[in-house]
């Protein structure tokens, strides 16, 4: 591997490390500002997009064990962001619904995220931004070993 390729890979690794730091700081801000964790936001977004979901389906979607998910949904329900409802067809099945308060919180979160995205976009030229977005879309599809 040439020095140029190694240097580019080192820059990529450093850039990914730095972006991860930005993501972690953003998650901390979201937790403080909205009092929700990243997985809770993911659950709210899932319910907003796909409607009510069974607990087991939520767990599979967000890759959380059912035992941990129960605690997460308990917290969300205590904040009135979601509501559990027993299935009329199968009493063993529990559905989770997004409440109006949960939808309002998600809308505020999305507004915050849009503002952060606008700030990031303003830091680089339009052509660089398009290349960045395209590159991130491709990188997110890479299968890890």
C-alpha atoms as a PDB file:
ATOM      1  CA  UNK A   1       0.000   0.000   0.000  1.00  0.00           C
ATOM      2  CA  UNK A   2       1.437   3.368  -0.933  1.00  0.00           C
ATOM      3  CA  UNK A   3       2.058   6.130   1.600  1.00  0.00           C
ATOM      4  CA  UNK A   4      -0.710   8.174  -0.029  1.00  0.00           C
ATOM      5  CA  UNK A   5      -3.276   5.403   0.493  1.00  0.00           C
ATOM      6  CA  UNK A   6      -2.100   4.792   4.066  1.00  0.00           C
ATOM      7  CA  UNK A   7      -2.267   8.518   4.786  1.00  0.00           C
ATOM      8  CA  UNK A   8      -5.801   8.678   3.353  1.00  0.00           C
ATOM      9  CA  UNK A   9      -6.872   5.685   5.465  1.00  0.00           C
ATOM     10  CA  UNK A  10      -5.387   7.289   8.573  1.00  0.00           C
ATOM     11  CA  UNK A  11      -7.277  10.499   7.783  1.00  0.00           C
ATOM     12  CA  UNK A  12     -10.499   8.490   7.336  1.00  0.00           C
ATOM     13  CA  UNK A  13      -9.972   6.717  10.653  1.00  0.00           C
ATOM     14  CA  UNK A  14      -9.281  10.006  12.412  1.00  0.00           C
ATOM     15  CA  UNK A  15     -12.308  11.625  10.760  1.00  0.00           C
ATOM     16  CA  UNK A  16     -14.569   8.755  11.796  1.00  0.00           C
ATOM     17  CA  UNK A  17     -13.242   8.993  15.342  1.00  0.00           C
ATOM     18  CA  UNK A  18     -13.966  12.729  15.403  1.00  0.00           C
ATOM     19  CA  UNK A  19     -17.450  12.309  13.905  1.00  0.00           C
ATOM     20  CA  UNK A  20     -18.183   9.674  16.541  1.00  0.00           C
ATOM     21  CA  UNK A  21     -17.256  12.265  19.174  1.00  0.00           C
ATOM     22  CA  UNK A  22     -19.686  14.757  17.617  1.00  0.00           C
ATOM     23  CA  UNK A  23     -22.422  12.117  17.629  1.00  0.00           C
ATOM     24  CA  UNK A  24     -21.787  11.272  21.294  1.00  0.00           C
ATOM     25  CA  UNK A  25     -21.844  14.962  22.275  1.00  0.00           C
ATOM     26  CA  UNK A  26     -25.073  15.438  20.313  1.00  0.00           C
ATOM     27  CA  UNK A  27     -26.621  12.465  22.125  1.00  0.00           C
ATOM     28  CA  UNK A  28     -25.617  13.993  25.475  1.00  0.00           C
ATOM     29  CA  UNK A  29     -27.233  17.303  24.488  1.00  0.00           C
ATOM     30  CA  UNK A  30     -30.400  15.491  23.366  1.00  0.00           C
ATOM     31  CA  UNK A  31     -30.542  13.600  26.666  1.00  0.00           C
ATOM     32  CA  UNK A  32     -30.207  16.842  28.639  1.00  0.00           C
ATOM     33  CA  UNK A  33     -32.510  18.921  26.443  1.00  0.00           C
ATOM     34  CA  UNK A  34     -35.247  16.365  25.751  1.00  0.00           C
ATOM     35  CA  UNK A  35     -34.687  13.877  28.590  1.00  0.00           C
ATOM     36  CA  UNK A  36     -34.590  10.911  26.194  1.00  0.00           C
ATOM     37  CA  UNK A  37     -31.848   8.522  25.156  1.00  0.00           C
ATOM     38  CA  UNK A  38     -30.853   7.673  21.596  1.00  0.00           C
ATOM     39  CA  UNK A  39     -32.731   4.351  21.740  1.00  0.00           C
ATOM     40  CA  UNK A  40     -35.842   6.121  23.057  1.00  0.00           C
ATOM     41  CA  UNK A  41     -35.700   8.545  20.120  1.00  0.00           C
ATOM     42  CA  UNK A  42     -35.312   5.565  17.803  1.00  0.00           C
ATOM     43  CA  UNK A  43     -38.436   3.975  19.321  1.00  0.00           C
ATOM     44  CA  UNK A  44     -40.409   7.214  18.990  1.00  0.00           C
ATOM     45  CA  UNK A  45     -39.348   7.526  15.349  1.00  0.00           C
ATOM     46  CA  UNK A  46     -40.338   3.902  14.686  1.00  0.00           C
ATOM     47  CA  UNK A  47     -43.792   4.441  16.218  1.00  0.00           C
ATOM     48  CA  UNK A  48     -44.238   7.718  14.348  1.00  0.00           C
ATOM     49  CA  UNK A  49     -43.296   6.142  11.018  1.00  0.00           C
ATOM     50  CA  UNK A  50     -44.875   2.688  11.330  1.00  0.00           C
ATOM     51  CA  UNK A  51     -47.634   3.232  13.894  1.00  0.00           C
ATOM     52  CA  UNK A  52     -48.294   1.056  16.919  1.00  0.00           C
ATOM     53  CA  UNK A  53     -45.910  -1.850  17.377  1.00  0.00           C
ATOM     54  CA  UNK A  54     -45.716  -5.014  19.455  1.00  0.00           C
ATOM     55  CA  UNK A  55     -43.032  -4.949  22.108  1.00  0.00           C
ATOM     56  CA  UNK A  56     -41.171  -7.853  20.496  1.00  0.00           C
ATOM     57  CA  UNK A  57     -41.190  -6.075  17.104  1.00  0.00           C
ATOM     58  CA  UNK A  58     -39.810  -2.896  18.664  1.00  0.00           C
ATOM     59  CA  UNK A  59     -37.065  -4.934  20.326  1.00  0.00           C
ATOM     60  CA  UNK A  60     -36.111  -6.507  17.007  1.00  0.00           C
ATOM     61  CA  UNK A  61     -36.156  -3.155  15.180  1.00  0.00           C
ATOM     62  CA  UNK A  62     -33.986  -1.307  17.689  1.00  0.00           C
ATOM     63  CA  UNK A  63     -31.958  -4.409  18.596  1.00  0.00           C
ATOM     64  CA  UNK A  64     -32.740  -4.369  22.308  1.00  0.00           C
ATOM     65  CA  UNK A  65     -33.527  -7.445  24.402  1.00  0.00           C
ATOM     66  CA  UNK A  66     -37.129  -7.609  25.588  1.00  0.00           C
ATOM     67  CA  UNK A  67     -36.025  -7.485  29.244  1.00  0.00           C
ATOM     68  CA  UNK A  68     -34.168  -4.202  28.632  1.00  0.00           C
ATOM     69  CA  UNK A  69     -36.918  -2.881  26.373  1.00  0.00           C
ATOM     70  CA  UNK A  70     -39.474  -3.288  29.159  1.00  0.00           C
ATOM     71  CA  UNK A  71     -37.467  -0.891  31.354  1.00  0.00           C
ATOM     72  CA  UNK A  72     -37.035   1.559  28.483  1.00  0.00           C
ATOM     73  CA  UNK A  73     -40.746   1.568  27.652  1.00  0.00           C
ATOM     74  CA  UNK A  74     -41.580   1.866  31.389  1.00  0.00           C
ATOM     75  CA  UNK A  75     -39.525   5.069  31.486  1.00  0.00           C
ATOM     76  CA  UNK A  76     -41.105   6.381  28.289  1.00  0.00           C
ATOM     77  CA  UNK A  77     -44.567   5.566  29.582  1.00  0.00           C
ATOM     78  CA  UNK A  78     -43.888   7.350  32.874  1.00  0.00           C
ATOM     79  CA  UNK A  79     -42.980  10.430  30.806  1.00  0.00           C
ATOM     80  CA  UNK A  80     -46.237   9.952  28.861  1.00  0.00           C
ATOM     81  CA  UNK A  81     -44.361   9.647  25.540  1.00  0.00           C
ATOM     82  CA  UNK A  82     -45.887   6.240  24.786  1.00  0.00           C
ATOM     83  CA  UNK A  83     -48.753   4.123  26.027  1.00  0.00           C
ATOM     84  CA  UNK A  84     -49.027   0.337  26.260  1.00  0.00           C
ATOM     85  CA  UNK A  85     -52.265  -1.267  25.126  1.00  0.00           C
ATOM     86  CA  UNK A  86     -53.183  -4.948  25.330  1.00  0.00           C
ATOM     87  CA  UNK A  87     -54.193  -6.517  22.038  1.00  0.00           C
ATOM     88  CA  UNK A  88     -57.893  -7.248  21.707  1.00  0.00           C
ATOM     89  CA  UNK A  89     -57.144 -10.367  19.641  1.00  0.00           C
ATOM     90  CA  UNK A  90     -54.342 -11.802  21.772  1.00  0.00           C
ATOM     91  CA  UNK A  91     -54.138 -10.758  25.422  1.00  0.00           C
ATOM     92  CA  UNK A  92     -50.486 -11.853  25.522  1.00  0.00           C
ATOM     93  CA  UNK A  93     -49.535  -9.250  22.925  1.00  0.00           C
ATOM     94  CA  UNK A  94     -48.842  -5.717  24.063  1.00  0.00           C
ATOM     95  CA  UNK A  95     -48.807  -2.836  21.614  1.00  0.00           C
ATOM     96  CA  UNK A  96     -46.981   0.423  22.192  1.00  0.00           C
ATOM     97  CA  UNK A  97     -48.606   3.622  20.904  1.00  0.00           C
ATOM     98  CA  UNK A  98     -47.024   7.035  20.415  1.00  0.00           C
ATOM     99  CA  UNK A  99     -48.854   9.674  22.467  1.00  0.00           C
ATOM    100  CA  UNK A 100     -49.427  13.283  21.451  1.00  0.00           C
ATOM    101  CA  UNK A 101     -46.761  14.326  23.972  1.00  0.00           C
ATOM    102  CA  UNK A 102     -44.355  11.822  22.402  1.00  0.00           C
ATOM    103  CA  UNK A 103     -45.108  13.150  18.918  1.00  0.00           C
ATOM    104  CA  UNK A 104     -44.605  16.746  20.082  1.00  0.00           C
ATOM    105  CA  UNK A 105     -41.275  15.844  21.694  1.00  0.00           C
ATOM    106  CA  UNK A 106     -40.199  14.026  18.517  1.00  0.00           C
ATOM    107  CA  UNK A 107     -41.106  17.079  16.410  1.00  0.00           C
ATOM    108  CA  UNK A 108     -38.975  19.302  18.684  1.00  0.00           C
ATOM    109  CA  UNK A 109     -36.129  16.796  18.468  1.00  0.00           C
ATOM    110  CA  UNK A 110     -36.383  16.785  14.655  1.00  0.00           C
ATOM    111  CA  UNK A 111     -36.305  20.605  14.614  1.00  0.00           C
ATOM    112  CA  UNK A 112     -33.152  20.516  16.749  1.00  0.00           C
ATOM    113  CA  UNK A 113     -31.575  17.910  14.473  1.00  0.00           C
ATOM    114  CA  UNK A 114     -32.437  20.021  11.405  1.00  0.00           C
ATOM    115  CA  UNK A 115     -30.701  23.018  12.982  1.00  0.00           C
ATOM    116  CA  UNK A 116     -27.591  20.933  13.716  1.00  0.00           C
ATOM    117  CA  UNK A 117     -27.631  19.637  10.120  1.00  0.00           C
ATOM    118  CA  UNK A 118     -27.904  23.182   8.743  1.00  0.00           C
ATOM    119  CA  UNK A 119     -24.894  24.246  10.810  1.00  0.00           C
ATOM    120  CA  UNK A 120     -22.897  21.298   9.529  1.00  0.00           C
ATOM    121  CA  UNK A 121     -23.927  22.028   5.942  1.00  0.00           C
ATOM    122  CA  UNK A 122     -22.873  25.669   6.257  1.00  0.00           C
ATOM    123  CA  UNK A 123     -19.352  24.563   7.221  1.00  0.00           C
ATOM    124  CA  UNK A 124     -18.605  23.170   3.748  1.00  0.00           C
ATOM    125  CA  UNK A 125     -19.268  23.994   0.087  1.00  0.00           C
ATOM    126  CA  UNK A 126     -22.361  22.606  -1.676  1.00  0.00           C
ATOM    127  CA  UNK A 127     -20.328  20.223  -3.851  1.00  0.00           C
ATOM    128  CA  UNK A 128     -18.432  18.913  -0.818  1.00  0.00           C
ATOM    129  CA  UNK A 129     -21.704  18.507   1.061  1.00  0.00           C
ATOM    130  CA  UNK A 130     -23.248  16.421  -1.740  1.00  0.00           C
ATOM    131  CA  UNK A 131     -20.103  14.277  -1.896  1.00  0.00           C
ATOM    132  CA  UNK A 132     -20.171  13.857   1.895  1.00  0.00           C
ATOM    133  CA  UNK A 133     -23.815  12.762   1.952  1.00  0.00           C
ATOM    134  CA  UNK A 134     -23.243  10.368  -0.945  1.00  0.00           C
ATOM    135  CA  UNK A 135     -20.161   8.947   0.754  1.00  0.00           C
ATOM    136  CA  UNK A 136     -21.936   8.495   4.076  1.00  0.00           C
ATOM    137  CA  UNK A 137     -24.803   6.676   2.355  1.00  0.00           C
ATOM    138  CA  UNK A 138     -22.310   4.282   0.757  1.00  0.00           C
ATOM    139  CA  UNK A 139     -20.263   3.825   3.941  1.00  0.00           C
ATOM    140  CA  UNK A 140     -23.399   3.016   5.960  1.00  0.00           C
ATOM    141  CA  UNK A 141     -23.997   0.028   3.664  1.00  0.00           C
ATOM    142  CA  UNK A 142     -20.524  -1.481   4.161  1.00  0.00           C
ATOM    143  CA  UNK A 143     -20.704  -4.826   5.949  1.00  0.00           C
ATOM    144  CA  UNK A 144     -18.284  -5.069   8.820  1.00  0.00           C
ATOM    145  CA  UNK A 145     -16.105  -8.162   9.328  1.00  0.00           C
END
